[in-house]
Amino acid sequence: MPIEIRHILFSQEEVIRAVVEYHRRSGNPLPAGSVIRIEVMQDPVRCALHFARDDNSRQVAWVDNQPLASALIMFCINQRIPLPTKSTKLLEVMNDKVTLVVHR
């Protein structure tokens, strides 16, 4: 039986939007300020958001694999990107981009 595998690659801006919206909706706010940089780590996939605060200080917020995956899935739903509900979803880094891999 054939198996479908999809790769959805996200730009840094999309990852930032997804994480900010996810944290806003979950009631778990991120640090105040503007995101000035994002670092993506592998194994497991996670990211660090670097914030510039109003007082010119800097702060880093780490987003681990599971909340990052949840944020990107919610982003796909909000953007009307179809995702099969009964599928395995995991994160990888491809071409320096956070990638949601979906297969059933």
PDB file of N, CA and C in Angstrom:
ATOM      1  N   MET A   1       0.846  -1.184   0.000  1.00  0.00           N
ATOM      2  CA  MET A   1       0.000   0.000   0.000  1.00  0.00           C
ATOM      3  C   MET A   1       0.887   1.241   0.000  1.00  0.00           C
ATOM      4  N   PRO A   2       0.613   2.209  -0.860  1.00  0.00           N
ATOM      5  CA  PRO A   2       1.410   3.429  -0.915  1.00  0.00           C
ATOM      6  C   PRO A   2       1.273   4.243   0.368  1.00  0.00           C
ATOM      7  N   ILE A   3       2.322   4.963   0.680  1.00  0.00           N
ATOM      8  CA  ILE A   3       2.331   5.852   1.844  1.00  0.00           C
ATOM      9  C   ILE A   3       2.602   7.276   1.351  1.00  0.00           C
ATOM     10  N   GLU A   4       1.786   8.189   1.801  1.00  0.00           N
ATOM     11  CA  GLU A   4       1.967   9.592   1.446  1.00  0.00           C
ATOM     12  C   GLU A   4       2.826  10.264   2.506  1.00  0.00           C
ATOM     13  N   ILE A   5       3.832  11.017   2.054  1.00  0.00           N
ATOM     14  CA  ILE A   5       4.661  11.806   2.965  1.00  0.00           C
ATOM     15  C   ILE A   5       4.687  13.232   2.432  1.00  0.00           C
ATOM     16  N   ARG A   6       4.341  14.183   3.300  1.00  0.00           N
ATOM     17  CA  ARG A   6       4.351  15.597   2.930  1.00  0.00           C
ATOM     18  C   ARG A   6       5.369  16.336   3.780  1.00  0.00           C
ATOM     19  N   HIS A   7       6.028  17.303   3.175  1.00  0.00           N
ATOM     20  CA  HIS A   7       6.962  18.172   3.878  1.00  0.00           C
ATOM     21  C   HIS A   7       6.459  19.605   3.724  1.00  0.00           C
ATOM     22  N   ILE A   8       6.210  20.247   4.840  1.00  0.00           N
ATOM     23  CA  ILE A   8       5.763  21.640   4.821  1.00  0.00           C
ATOM     24  C   ILE A   8       6.881  22.463   5.458  1.00  0.00           C
ATOM     25  N   LEU A   9       7.555  23.264   4.644  1.00  0.00           N
ATOM     26  CA  LEU A   9       8.668  24.082   5.114  1.00  0.00           C
ATOM     27  C   LEU A   9       8.155  25.469   5.474  1.00  0.00           C
ATOM     28  N   PHE A  10       8.618  25.990   6.604  1.00  0.00           N
ATOM     29  CA  PHE A  10       8.172  27.283   7.114  1.00  0.00           C
ATOM     30  C   PHE A  10       9.319  28.282   7.085  1.00  0.00           C
ATOM     31  N   SER A  11       9.007  29.498   6.656  1.00  0.00           N
ATOM     32  CA  SER A  11      10.000  30.573   6.725  1.00  0.00           C
ATOM     33  C   SER A  11      10.203  30.966   8.186  1.00  0.00           C
ATOM     34  N   GLN A  12      11.256  31.687   8.460  1.00  0.00           N
ATOM     35  CA  GLN A  12      11.488  32.155   9.831  1.00  0.00           C
ATOM     36  C   GLN A  12      10.346  33.049  10.297  1.00  0.00           C
ATOM     37  N   GLU A  13       9.828  33.883   9.408  1.00  0.00           N
ATOM     38  CA  GLU A  13       8.726  34.770   9.771  1.00  0.00           C
ATOM     39  C   GLU A  13       7.480  33.972  10.128  1.00  0.00           C
ATOM     40  N   GLU A  14       7.217  32.900   9.396  1.00  0.00           N
ATOM     41  CA  GLU A  14       6.051  32.064   9.700  1.00  0.00           C
ATOM     42  C   GLU A  14       6.215  31.348  11.030  1.00  0.00           C
ATOM     43  N   VAL A  15       7.428  30.888  11.327  1.00  0.00           N
ATOM     44  CA  VAL A  15       7.672  30.236  12.621  1.00  0.00           C
ATOM     45  C   VAL A  15       7.440  31.231  13.747  1.00  0.00           C
ATOM     46  N   ILE A  16       7.942  32.434  13.594  1.00  0.00           N
ATOM     47  CA  ILE A  16       7.754  33.465  14.619  1.00  0.00           C
ATOM     48  C   ILE A  16       6.269  33.768  14.806  1.00  0.00           C
ATOM     49  N   ARG A  17       5.549  33.978  13.705  1.00  0.00           N
ATOM     50  CA  ARG A  17       4.104  34.250  13.794  1.00  0.00           C
ATOM     51  C   ARG A  17       3.371  33.105  14.484  1.00  0.00           C
ATOM     52  N   ALA A  18       3.722  31.875  14.110  1.00  0.00           N
ATOM     53  CA  ALA A  18       3.051  30.705  14.689  1.00  0.00           C
ATOM     54  C   ALA A  18       3.313  30.616  16.188  1.00  0.00           C
ATOM     55  N   VAL A  19       4.546  30.803  16.604  1.00  0.00           N
ATOM     56  CA  VAL A  19       4.900  30.677  18.023  1.00  0.00           C
ATOM     57  C   VAL A  19       4.268  31.797  18.843  1.00  0.00           C
ATOM     58  N   VAL A  20       4.314  33.015  18.345  1.00  0.00           N
ATOM     59  CA  VAL A  20       3.723  34.152  19.071  1.00  0.00           C
ATOM     60  C   VAL A  20       2.224  33.937  19.241  1.00  0.00           C
ATOM     61  N   GLU A  21       1.537  33.546  18.167  1.00  0.00           N
ATOM     62  CA  GLU A  21       0.088  33.329  18.239  1.00  0.00           C
ATOM     63  C   GLU A  21      -0.250  32.160  19.164  1.00  0.00           C
ATOM     64  N   TYR A  22       0.525  31.095  19.083  1.00  0.00           N
ATOM     65  CA  TYR A  22       0.286  29.925  19.937  1.00  0.00           C
ATOM     66  C   TYR A  22       0.421  30.305  21.407  1.00  0.00           C
ATOM     67  N   HIS A  23       1.461  31.041  21.753  1.00  0.00           N
ATOM     68  CA  HIS A  23       1.662  31.441  23.144  1.00  0.00           C
ATOM     69  C   HIS A  23       0.595  32.427  23.605  1.00  0.00           C
ATOM     70  N   ARG A  24       0.162  33.305  22.713  1.00  0.00           N
ATOM     71  CA  ARG A  24      -0.898  34.254  23.058  1.00  0.00           C
ATOM     72  C   ARG A  24      -2.188  33.504  23.369  1.00  0.00           C
ATOM     73  N   ARG A  25      -2.542  32.554  22.518  1.00  0.00           N
ATOM     74  CA  ARG A  25      -3.787  31.803  22.720  1.00  0.00           C
ATOM     75  C   ARG A  25      -3.736  30.869  23.922  1.00  0.00           C
ATOM     76  N   SER A  26      -2.561  30.345  24.224  1.00  0.00           N
ATOM     77  CA  SER A  26      -2.451  29.396  25.333  1.00  0.00           C
ATOM     78  C   SER A  26      -2.344  30.093  26.690  1.00  0.00           C
ATOM     79  N   GLY A  27      -2.245  31.420  26.697  1.00  0.00           N
ATOM     80  CA  GLY A  27      -2.130  32.149  27.955  1.00  0.00           C
ATOM     81  C   GLY A  27      -0.744  32.049  28.574  1.00  0.00           C
ATOM     82  N   ASN A  28       0.226  31.650  27.778  1.00  0.00           N
ATOM     83  CA  ASN A  28       1.610  31.524  28.228  1.00  0.00           C
ATOM     84  C   ASN A  28       2.437  32.558  27.458  1.00  0.00           C
ATOM     85  N   PRO A  29       2.417  33.824  27.902  1.00  0.00           N
ATOM     86  CA  PRO A  29       3.011  34.890  27.104  1.00  0.00           C
ATOM     87  C   PRO A  29       4.530  34.765  26.969  1.00  0.00           C
ATOM     88  N   LEU A  30       5.003  35.231  25.836  1.00  0.00           N
ATOM     89  CA  LEU A  30       6.440  35.322  25.600  1.00  0.00           C
ATOM     90  C   LEU A  30       6.951  36.617  26.213  1.00  0.00           C
ATOM     91  N   PRO A  31       8.258  36.791  26.314  1.00  0.00           N
ATOM     92  CA  PRO A  31       8.788  38.045  26.861  1.00  0.00           C
ATOM     93  C   PRO A  31       8.312  39.257  26.057  1.00  0.00           C
ATOM     94  N   ALA A  32       8.218  40.385  26.734  1.00  0.00           N
ATOM     95  CA  ALA A  32       7.832  41.626  26.060  1.00  0.00           C
ATOM     96  C   ALA A  32       8.955  42.046  25.123  1.00  0.00           C
ATOM     97  N   GLY A  33       8.576  42.725  24.046  1.00  0.00           N
ATOM     98  CA  GLY A  33       9.574  43.209  23.104  1.00  0.00           C
ATOM     99  C   GLY A  33       9.360  42.638  21.721  1.00  0.00           C
ATOM    100  N   SER A  34      10.303  42.926  20.846  1.00  0.00           N
ATOM    101  CA  SER A  34      10.228  42.488  19.454  1.00  0.00           C
ATOM    102  C   SER A  34      11.210  41.355  19.207  1.00  0.00           C
ATOM    103  N   VAL A  35      10.783  40.389  18.413  1.00  0.00           N
ATOM    104  CA  VAL A  35      11.683  39.307  18.031  1.00  0.00           C
ATOM    105  C   VAL A  35      12.648  39.859  16.990  1.00  0.00           C
ATOM    106  N   ILE A  36      13.944  39.766  17.290  1.00  0.00           N
ATOM    107  CA  ILE A  36      14.953  40.291  16.364  1.00  0.00           C
ATOM    108  C   ILE A  36      15.716  39.184  15.644  1.00  0.00           C
ATOM    109  N   ARG A  37      15.591  37.962  16.176  1.00  0.00           N
ATOM    110  CA  ARG A  37      16.330  36.863  15.562  1.00  0.00           C
ATOM    111  C   ARG A  37      15.749  35.547  16.043  1.00  0.00           C
ATOM    112  N   ILE A  38      15.860  34.533  15.199  1.00  0.00           N
ATOM    113  CA  ILE A  38      15.434  33.187  15.574  1.00  0.00           C
ATOM    114  C   ILE A  38      16.568  32.226  15.239  1.00  0.00           C
ATOM    115  N   GLU A  39      16.832  31.324  16.158  1.00  0.00           N
ATOM    116  CA  GLU A  39      17.811  30.262  15.934  1.00  0.00           C
ATOM    117  C   GLU A  39      17.071  28.940  15.948  1.00  0.00           C
ATOM    118  N   VAL A  40      17.364  28.094  14.994  1.00  0.00           N
ATOM    119  CA  VAL A  40      16.744  26.780  14.933  1.00  0.00           C
ATOM    120  C   VAL A  40      17.798  25.737  15.254  1.00  0.00           C
ATOM    121  N   MET A  41      17.489  24.871  16.192  1.00  0.00           N
ATOM    122  CA  MET A  41      18.386  23.785  16.594  1.00  0.00           C
ATOM    123  C   MET A  41      17.804  22.463  16.120  1.00  0.00           C
ATOM    124  N   GLN A  42      18.678  21.485  15.934  1.00  0.00           N
ATOM    125  CA  GLN A  42      18.247  20.154  15.524  1.00  0.00           C
ATOM    126  C   GLN A  42      18.460  19.159  16.648  1.00  0.00           C
ATOM    127  N   ASP A  43      17.760  18.048  16.527  1.00  0.00           N
ATOM    128  CA  ASP A  43      17.985  16.857  17.347  1.00  0.00           C
ATOM    129  C   ASP A  43      17.844  17.094  18.845  1.00  0.00           C
ATOM    130  N   PRO A  44      16.700  17.361  19.357  1.00  0.00           N
ATOM    131  CA  PRO A  44      15.418  17.541  18.683  1.00  0.00           C
ATOM    132  C   PRO A  44      15.287  18.956  18.138  1.00  0.00           C
ATOM    133  N   VAL A  45      14.365  19.115  17.201  1.00  0.00           N
ATOM    134  CA  VAL A  45      14.134  20.434  16.620  1.00  0.00           C
ATOM    135  C   VAL A  45      13.510  21.321  17.684  1.00  0.00           C
ATOM    136  N   ARG A  46      14.092  22.482  17.873  1.00  0.00           N
ATOM    137  CA  ARG A  46      13.583  23.502  18.793  1.00  0.00           C
ATOM    138  C   ARG A  46      14.125  24.835  18.322  1.00  0.00           C
ATOM    139  N   CYS A  47      13.624  25.905  18.874  1.00  0.00           N
ATOM    140  CA  CYS A  47      14.117  27.208  18.437  1.00  0.00           C
ATOM    141  C   CYS A  47      14.273  28.153  19.620  1.00  0.00           C
ATOM    142  N   ALA A  48      15.108  29.136  19.397  1.00  0.00           N
ATOM    143  CA  ALA A  48      15.323  30.206  20.371  1.00  0.00           C
ATOM    144  C   ALA A  48      14.896  31.509  19.718  1.00  0.00           C
ATOM    145  N   LEU A  49      13.981  32.219  20.368  1.00  0.00           N
ATOM    146  CA  LEU A  49      13.561  33.527  19.896  1.00  0.00           C
ATOM    147  C   LEU A  49      14.320  34.576  20.695  1.00  0.00           C
ATOM    148  N   HIS A  50      15.005  35.461  20.005  1.00  0.00           N
ATOM    149  CA  HIS A  50      15.766  36.531  20.650  1.00  0.00           C
ATOM    150  C   HIS A  50      14.934  37.803  20.608  1.00  0.00           C
ATOM    151  N   PHE A  51      14.670  38.362  21.772  1.00  0.00           N
ATOM    152  CA  PHE A  51      13.836  39.544  21.909  1.00  0.00           C
ATOM    153  C   PHE A  51      14.668  40.769  22.255  1.00  0.00           C
ATOM    154  N   ALA A  52      14.318  41.906  21.653  1.00  0.00           N
ATOM    155  CA  ALA A  52      14.853  43.206  22.054  1.00  0.00           C
ATOM    156  C   ALA A  52      13.755  43.875  22.860  1.00  0.00           C
ATOM    157  N   ARG A  53      14.089  44.222  24.092  1.00  0.00           N
ATOM    158  CA  ARG A  53      13.092  44.827  24.970  1.00  0.00           C
ATOM    159  C   ARG A  53      13.173  46.344  24.887  1.00  0.00           C
ATOM    160  N   ASP A  54      12.147  47.002  25.403  1.00  0.00           N
ATOM    161  CA  ASP A  54      12.074  48.463  25.344  1.00  0.00           C
ATOM    162  C   ASP A  54      13.219  49.141  26.092  1.00  0.00           C
ATOM    163  N   ASP A  55      13.764  48.474  27.108  1.00  0.00           N
ATOM    164  CA  ASP A  55      14.859  49.065  27.884  1.00  0.00           C
ATOM    165  C   ASP A  55      16.224  48.738  27.279  1.00  0.00           C
ATOM    166  N   ASN A  56      16.238  48.315  26.005  1.00  0.00           N
ATOM    167  CA  ASN A  56      17.450  47.962  25.251  1.00  0.00           C
ATOM    168  C   ASN A  56      18.137  46.689  25.732  1.00  0.00           C
ATOM    169  N   SER A  57      17.499  45.943  26.613  1.00  0.00           N
ATOM    170  CA  SER A  57      18.068  44.657  27.017  1.00  0.00           C
ATOM    171  C   SER A  57      17.615  43.583  26.034  1.00  0.00           C
ATOM    172  N   ARG A  58      18.247  42.442  26.114  1.00  0.00           N
ATOM    173  CA  ARG A  58      17.919  41.308  25.247  1.00  0.00           C
ATOM    174  C   ARG A  58      17.476  40.135  26.103  1.00  0.00           C
ATOM    175  N   GLN A  59      16.593  39.327  25.569  1.00  0.00           N
ATOM    176  CA  GLN A  59      16.132  38.142  26.275  1.00  0.00           C
ATOM    177  C   GLN A  59      15.899  37.035  25.258  1.00  0.00           C
ATOM    178  N   VAL A  60      16.151  35.793  25.663  1.00  0.00           N
ATOM    179  CA  VAL A  60      15.959  34.640  24.790  1.00  0.00           C
ATOM    180  C   VAL A  60      14.872  33.749  25.384  1.00  0.00           C
ATOM    181  N   ALA A  61      13.961  33.309  24.536  1.00  0.00           N
ATOM    182  CA  ALA A  61      12.922  32.362  24.952  1.00  0.00           C
ATOM    183  C   ALA A  61      13.069  31.109  24.089  1.00  0.00           C
ATOM    184  N   TRP A  62      13.232  29.968  24.740  1.00  0.00           N
ATOM    185  CA  TRP A  62      13.344  28.696  24.033  1.00  0.00           C
ATOM    186  C   TRP A  62      11.968  28.096  23.834  1.00  0.00           C
ATOM    187  N   VAL A  63      11.748  27.541  22.647  1.00  0.00           N
ATOM    188  CA  VAL A  63      10.503  26.846  22.338  1.00  0.00           C
ATOM    189  C   VAL A  63      10.896  25.414  21.985  1.00  0.00           C
ATOM    190  N   ASP A  64      10.490  24.487  22.837  1.00  0.00           N
ATOM    191  CA  ASP A  64      10.853  23.087  22.646  1.00  0.00           C
ATOM    192  C   ASP A  64      10.040  22.440  21.535  1.00  0.00           C
ATOM    193  N   ASN A  65      10.402  21.213  21.215  1.00  0.00           N
ATOM    194  CA  ASN A  65       9.848  20.490  20.079  1.00  0.00           C
ATOM    195  C   ASN A  65       8.326  20.414  20.095  1.00  0.00           C
ATOM    196  N   GLN A  66       7.748  19.940  21.178  1.00  0.00           N
ATOM    197  CA  GLN A  66       6.294  19.725  21.202  1.00  0.00           C
ATOM    198  C   GLN A  66       5.499  21.015  21.080  1.00  0.00           C
ATOM    199  N   PRO A  67       5.819  22.075  21.845  1.00  0.00           N
ATOM    200  CA  PRO A  67       5.074  23.323  21.642  1.00  0.00           C
ATOM    201  C   PRO A  67       5.303  23.933  20.254  1.00  0.00           C
ATOM    202  N   LEU A  68       6.493  23.740  19.703  1.00  0.00           N
ATOM    203  CA  LEU A  68       6.772  24.248  18.361  1.00  0.00           C
ATOM    204  C   LEU A  68       5.917  23.509  17.337  1.00  0.00           C
ATOM    205  N   ALA A  69       5.831  22.191  17.459  1.00  0.00           N
ATOM    206  CA  ALA A  69       4.979  21.404  16.554  1.00  0.00           C
ATOM    207  C   ALA A  69       3.517  21.835  16.687  1.00  0.00           C
ATOM    208  N   SER A  70       3.061  22.005  17.907  1.00  0.00           N
ATOM    209  CA  SER A  70       1.671  22.437  18.126  1.00  0.00           C
ATOM    210  C   SER A  70       1.418  23.806  17.505  1.00  0.00           C
ATOM    211  N   ALA A  71       2.372  24.714  17.646  1.00  0.00           N
ATOM    212  CA  ALA A  71       2.224  26.052  17.071  1.00  0.00           C
ATOM    213  C   ALA A  71       2.141  25.982  15.547  1.00  0.00           C
ATOM    214  N   LEU A  72       2.957  25.149  14.932  1.00  0.00           N
ATOM    215  CA  LEU A  72       2.955  25.048  13.477  1.00  0.00           C
ATOM    216  C   LEU A  72       1.704  24.343  12.956  1.00  0.00           C
ATOM    217  N   ILE A  73       1.212  23.353  13.695  1.00  0.00           N
ATOM    218  CA  ILE A  73      -0.042  22.698  13.311  1.00  0.00           C
ATOM    219  C   ILE A  73      -1.187  23.700  13.396  1.00  0.00           C
ATOM    220  N   MET A  74      -1.228  24.494  14.469  1.00  0.00           N
ATOM    221  CA  MET A  74      -2.262  25.519  14.613  1.00  0.00           C
ATOM    222  C   MET A  74      -2.142  26.556  13.486  1.00  0.00           C
ATOM    223  N   PHE A  75      -0.922  26.903  13.121  1.00  0.00           N
ATOM    224  CA  PHE A  75      -0.687  27.834  12.021  1.00  0.00           C
ATOM    225  C   PHE A  75      -1.268  27.270  10.722  1.00  0.00           C
ATOM    226  N   CYS A  76      -1.019  25.990  10.458  1.00  0.00           N
ATOM    227  CA  CYS A  76      -1.558  25.348   9.248  1.00  0.00           C
ATOM    228  C   CYS A  76      -3.085  25.378   9.246  1.00  0.00           C
ATOM    229  N   ILE A  77      -3.669  25.088  10.370  1.00  0.00           N
ATOM    230  CA  ILE A  77      -5.135  25.107  10.472  1.00  0.00           C
ATOM    231  C   ILE A  77      -5.659  26.511  10.184  1.00  0.00           C
ATOM    232  N   ASN A  78      -5.030  27.520  10.798  1.00  0.00           N
ATOM    233  CA  ASN A  78      -5.469  28.905  10.594  1.00  0.00           C
ATOM    234  C   ASN A  78      -5.272  29.380   9.156  1.00  0.00           C
ATOM    235  N   GLN A  79      -4.266  28.850   8.480  1.00  0.00           N
ATOM    236  CA  GLN A  79      -3.982  29.233   7.095  1.00  0.00           C
ATOM    237  C   GLN A  79      -4.701  28.332   6.090  1.00  0.00           C
ATOM    238  N   ARG A  80      -5.525  27.418   6.617  1.00  0.00           N
ATOM    239  CA  ARG A  80      -6.298  26.471   5.792  1.00  0.00           C
ATOM    240  C   ARG A  80      -5.404  25.556   4.962  1.00  0.00           C
ATOM    241  N   ILE A  81      -4.290  25.169   5.545  1.00  0.00           N
ATOM    242  CA  ILE A  81      -3.413  24.168   4.936  1.00  0.00           C
ATOM    243  C   ILE A  81      -3.896  22.814   5.441  1.00  0.00           C
ATOM    244  N   PRO A  82      -4.395  21.963   4.560  1.00  0.00           N
ATOM    245  CA  PRO A  82      -4.987  20.706   5.030  1.00  0.00           C
ATOM    246  C   PRO A  82      -3.958  19.759   5.642  1.00  0.00           C
ATOM    247  N   LEU A  83      -4.319  19.211   6.790  1.00  0.00           N
ATOM    248  CA  LEU A  83      -3.506  18.203   7.472  1.00  0.00           C
ATOM    249  C   LEU A  83      -4.421  17.036   7.835  1.00  0.00           C
ATOM    250  N   PRO A  84      -4.048  15.828   7.467  1.00  0.00           N
ATOM    251  CA  PRO A  84      -4.863  14.683   7.879  1.00  0.00           C
ATOM    252  C   PRO A  84      -4.809  14.519   9.394  1.00  0.00           C
ATOM    253  N   THR A  85      -5.961  14.326  10.012  1.00  0.00           N
ATOM    254  CA  THR A  85      -5.988  14.213  11.475  1.00  0.00           C
ATOM    255  C   THR A  85      -5.335  12.922  11.956  1.00  0.00           C
ATOM    256  N   LYS A  86      -5.510  11.853  11.212  1.00  0.00           N
ATOM    257  CA  LYS A  86      -4.929  10.564  11.612  1.00  0.00           C
ATOM    258  C   LYS A  86      -3.607  10.351  10.893  1.00  0.00           C
ATOM    259  N   SER A  87      -2.655  11.202  11.189  1.00  0.00           N
ATOM    260  CA  SER A  87      -1.335  11.092  10.580  1.00  0.00           C
ATOM    261  C   SER A  87      -0.273  11.359  11.639  1.00  0.00           C
ATOM    262  N   THR A  88       0.904  10.872  11.350  1.00  0.00           N
ATOM    263  CA  THR A  88       2.046  11.156  12.212  1.00  0.00           C
ATOM    264  C   THR A  88       2.645  12.477  11.757  1.00  0.00           C
ATOM    265  N   LYS A  89       2.916  13.339  12.724  1.00  0.00           N
ATOM    266  CA  LYS A  89       3.488  14.646  12.423  1.00  0.00           C
ATOM    267  C   LYS A  89       4.740  14.816  13.270  1.00  0.00           C
ATOM    268  N   LEU A  90       5.843  15.158  12.605  1.00  0.00           N
ATOM    269  CA  LEU A  90       7.084  15.393  13.343  1.00  0.00           C
ATOM    270  C   LEU A  90       7.845  16.529  12.698  1.00  0.00           C
ATOM    271  N   LEU A  91       8.779  17.080  13.452  1.00  0.00           N
ATOM    272  CA  LEU A  91       9.562  18.212  12.966  1.00  0.00           C
ATOM    273  C   LEU A  91      10.951  17.771  12.551  1.00  0.00           C
ATOM    274  N   GLU A  92      11.430  18.373  11.477  1.00  0.00           N
ATOM    275  CA  GLU A  92      12.802  18.206  10.999  1.00  0.00           C
ATOM    276  C   GLU A  92      13.291  19.568  10.541  1.00  0.00           C
ATOM    277  N   VAL A  93      14.579  19.650  10.282  1.00  0.00           N
ATOM    278  CA  VAL A  93      15.143  20.849   9.671  1.00  0.00           C
ATOM    279  C   VAL A  93      15.626  20.447   8.280  1.00  0.00           C
ATOM    280  N   MET A  94      15.087  21.121   7.266  1.00  0.00           N
ATOM    281  CA  MET A  94      15.477  20.882   5.880  1.00  0.00           C
ATOM    282  C   MET A  94      15.816  22.226   5.250  1.00  0.00           C
ATOM    283  N   ASN A  95      16.970  22.291   4.610  1.00  0.00           N
ATOM    284  CA  ASN A  95      17.388  23.547   3.967  1.00  0.00           C
ATOM    285  C   ASN A  95      17.334  24.715   4.939  1.00  0.00           C
ATOM    286  N   ASP A  96      17.747  24.454   6.175  1.00  0.00           N
ATOM    287  CA  ASP A  96      17.760  25.470   7.242  1.00  0.00           C
ATOM    288  C   ASP A  96      16.380  26.006   7.581  1.00  0.00           C
ATOM    289  N   LYS A  97      15.339  25.268   7.278  1.00  0.00           N
ATOM    290  CA  LYS A  97      13.971  25.669   7.608  1.00  0.00           C
ATOM    291  C   LYS A  97      13.317  24.614   8.477  1.00  0.00           C
ATOM    292  N   VAL A  98      12.493  25.079   9.415  1.00  0.00           N
ATOM    293  CA  VAL A  98      11.699  24.157  10.220  1.00  0.00           C
ATOM    294  C   VAL A  98      10.681  23.518   9.282  1.00  0.00           C
ATOM    295  N   THR A  99      10.607  22.189   9.321  1.00  0.00           N
ATOM    296  CA  THR A  99       9.769  21.442   8.408  1.00  0.00           C
ATOM    297  C   THR A  99       8.850  20.514   9.186  1.00  0.00           C
ATOM    298  N   LEU A 100       7.569  20.581   8.875  1.00  0.00           N
ATOM    299  CA  LEU A 100       6.591  19.660   9.443  1.00  0.00           C
ATOM    300  C   LEU A 100       6.451  18.505   8.465  1.00  0.00           C
ATOM    301  N   VAL A 101       6.796  17.297   8.925  1.00  0.00           N
ATOM    302  CA  VAL A 101       6.697  16.099   8.097  1.00  0.00           C
ATOM    303  C   VAL A 101       5.422  15.372   8.504  1.00  0.00           C
ATOM    304  N   VAL A 102       4.561  15.121   7.524  1.00  0.00           N
ATOM    305  CA  VAL A 102       3.260  14.489   7.769  1.00  0.00           C
ATOM    306  C   VAL A 102       3.202  13.216   6.951  1.00  0.00           C
ATOM    307  N   HIS A 103       2.925  12.105   7.621  1.00  0.00           N
ATOM    308  CA  HIS A 103       2.752  10.855   6.871  1.00  0.00           C
ATOM    309  C   HIS A 103       1.753   9.969   7.570  1.00  0.00           C
ATOM    310  N   ARG A 104       1.138   9.061   6.762  1.00  0.00           N
ATOM    311  CA  ARG A 104       0.199   8.103   7.317  1.00  0.00           C
ATOM    312  C   ARG A 104       0.527   6.725   6.809  1.00  0.00           C
TER     313      ARG A 104
END
